[in-house]
Amino acid sequence: MVWILKFLNVSLIILFFVSIASSHSWGDAIKQGMQIFNEKAGCAACHVLKHAGSKGNIGPNLDYSKDSQNVAYVKDMVKNGLGVMPAFGEDGILTPEEIDAVSNYVAKVAGK
């Protein structure tokens, strides 16, 4: 019985530290995505996204688009572009990792 309690204690401690580590990495991913959105890709110049503090008026308002909450849709738009929006992936402006970061960021914060 004692060994079961020790095992449970150790398991809970491990779970606690894993959850802390994953929350920090998610926070870092949000920061990276926002930095790409606002600076490297310049998405903020054309799009409204409250979380990023952007007030662009050329592209769609990402806070009001349900599609903006779909990471696959956002990733496709960022990679391939649409209309006047550049194809950030096809044109080599962003790396695949940066496309993932900014797409996950937009899908996570849009409309919130």
Protein backbone atom coordinates (compact mmCIF):
# COMPACT_ATOMS: atom_id res chain seq x y z
CA MET A 1 0.00 0.00 0.00
CA VAL A 2 2.83 2.40 0.85
CA TRP A 3 4.50 1.87 -2.51
CA ILE A 4 1.22 2.76 -4.27
CA LEU A 5 1.07 6.07 -2.41
CA LYS A 6 4.71 6.81 -3.24
CA PHE A 7 4.06 5.98 -6.89
CA LEU A 8 1.02 8.28 -6.97
CA ASN A 9 2.97 11.11 -5.33
CA VAL A 10 5.80 10.81 -7.84
CA SER A 11 3.32 10.61 -10.72
CA LEU A 12 1.53 13.75 -9.57
CA ILE A 13 4.80 15.64 -9.22
CA ILE A 14 5.86 14.64 -12.72
CA LEU A 15 2.46 15.61 -14.12
CA PHE A 16 2.69 18.99 -12.39
CA PHE A 17 6.08 19.80 -13.91
CA VAL A 18 5.05 18.61 -17.37
CA SER A 19 1.98 20.84 -17.28
CA ILE A 20 4.08 23.85 -16.24
CA ALA A 21 6.57 23.21 -19.04
CA SER A 22 3.85 22.87 -21.66
CA SER A 23 2.11 26.08 -20.54
CA HIS A 24 5.38 28.00 -20.87
CA SER A 25 6.02 26.61 -24.34
CA TRP A 26 2.46 27.55 -25.41
CA GLY A 27 3.05 31.08 -24.11
CA ASP A 28 6.26 31.25 -26.12
CA ALA A 29 4.42 30.02 -29.22
CA ILE A 30 1.79 32.76 -28.80
CA LYS A 31 4.52 35.40 -28.47
CA GLN A 32 6.33 34.08 -31.54
CA GLY A 33 3.13 33.99 -33.58
CA MET A 34 2.21 37.53 -32.57
CA GLN A 35 5.72 38.78 -33.41
CA ILE A 36 5.49 37.24 -36.88
CA PHE A 37 1.96 38.64 -37.33
CA ASN A 38 2.96 42.17 -36.32
CA GLU A 39 6.51 42.40 -37.63
CA LYS A 40 7.98 39.86 -40.04
CA ALA A 41 4.88 39.08 -42.11
CA GLY A 42 3.28 42.47 -41.54
CA CYS A 43 -0.22 40.98 -41.27
CA ALA A 44 -1.18 43.83 -38.92
CA ALA A 45 -0.90 46.34 -41.77
CA CYS A 46 -3.93 44.80 -43.50
CA HIS A 47 -5.91 42.87 -40.87
CA VAL A 48 -7.74 43.70 -37.65
CA LEU A 49 -6.85 41.33 -34.82
CA LYS A 50 -7.64 42.65 -31.34
CA HIS A 51 -5.12 40.44 -29.53
CA ALA A 52 -2.30 41.79 -31.72
CA GLY A 53 -3.52 45.38 -31.44
CA SER A 54 -3.77 45.62 -35.23
CA LYS A 55 -6.25 47.87 -37.03
CA GLY A 56 -5.59 47.25 -40.72
CA ASN A 57 -8.40 47.98 -43.16
CA ILE A 58 -7.42 46.19 -46.36
CA GLY A 59 -7.94 42.51 -45.54
CA PRO A 60 -10.71 40.81 -43.58
CA ASN A 61 -11.22 41.54 -39.89
CA LEU A 62 -9.88 38.31 -38.41
CA ASP A 63 -11.89 38.72 -35.21
CA TYR A 64 -15.18 38.51 -37.13
CA SER A 65 -14.31 35.64 -39.46
CA LYS A 66 -15.19 32.12 -38.27
CA ASP A 67 -12.62 30.83 -40.77
CA SER A 68 -9.92 32.62 -38.76
CA GLN A 69 -10.45 30.13 -35.94
CA ASN A 70 -9.71 27.18 -38.25
CA VAL A 71 -5.95 26.63 -38.22
CA ALA A 72 -5.95 24.66 -41.50
CA TYR A 73 -7.81 27.48 -43.28
CA VAL A 74 -5.50 30.17 -41.88
CA LYS A 75 -2.43 28.12 -42.78
CA ASP A 76 -3.65 27.73 -46.36
CA MET A 77 -4.28 31.48 -46.68
CA VAL A 78 -0.88 32.37 -45.23
CA LYS A 79 0.97 29.83 -47.36
CA ASN A 80 -0.81 30.40 -50.67
CA GLY A 81 -2.26 33.91 -50.39
CA LEU A 82 -5.53 35.12 -51.86
CA GLY A 83 -6.27 38.17 -53.99
CA VAL A 84 -3.85 40.94 -52.98
CA MET A 85 -2.56 38.92 -50.02
CA PRO A 86 0.92 37.57 -50.75
CA ALA A 87 1.65 33.84 -50.71
CA PHE A 88 4.01 33.93 -47.73
CA GLY A 89 4.97 30.27 -48.20
CA GLU A 90 5.11 30.08 -51.97
CA ASP A 91 7.04 33.36 -52.20
CA GLY A 92 9.51 32.23 -49.51
CA ILE A 93 8.68 35.12 -47.18
CA LEU A 94 8.05 32.82 -44.21
CA THR A 95 9.50 29.43 -43.35
CA PRO A 96 7.14 26.49 -42.82
CA GLU A 97 7.76 26.81 -39.06
CA GLU A 98 6.86 30.51 -39.12
CA ILE A 99 3.70 29.74 -41.11
CA ASP A 100 2.73 27.18 -38.46
CA ALA A 101 3.43 29.67 -35.66
CA VAL A 102 1.45 32.56 -37.11
CA SER A 103 -1.42 30.30 -38.23
CA ASN A 104 -1.73 28.69 -34.80
CA TYR A 105 -1.57 32.13 -33.20
CA VAL A 106 -4.35 33.60 -35.34
CA ALA A 107 -6.59 30.55 -34.93
CA LYS A 108 -6.09 30.63 -31.15
CA VAL A 109 -6.75 34.34 -30.54
CA ALA A 110 -9.16 35.38 -33.33
CA GLY A 111 -12.50 36.53 -31.99
CA LYS A 112 -11.36 36.51 -28.38
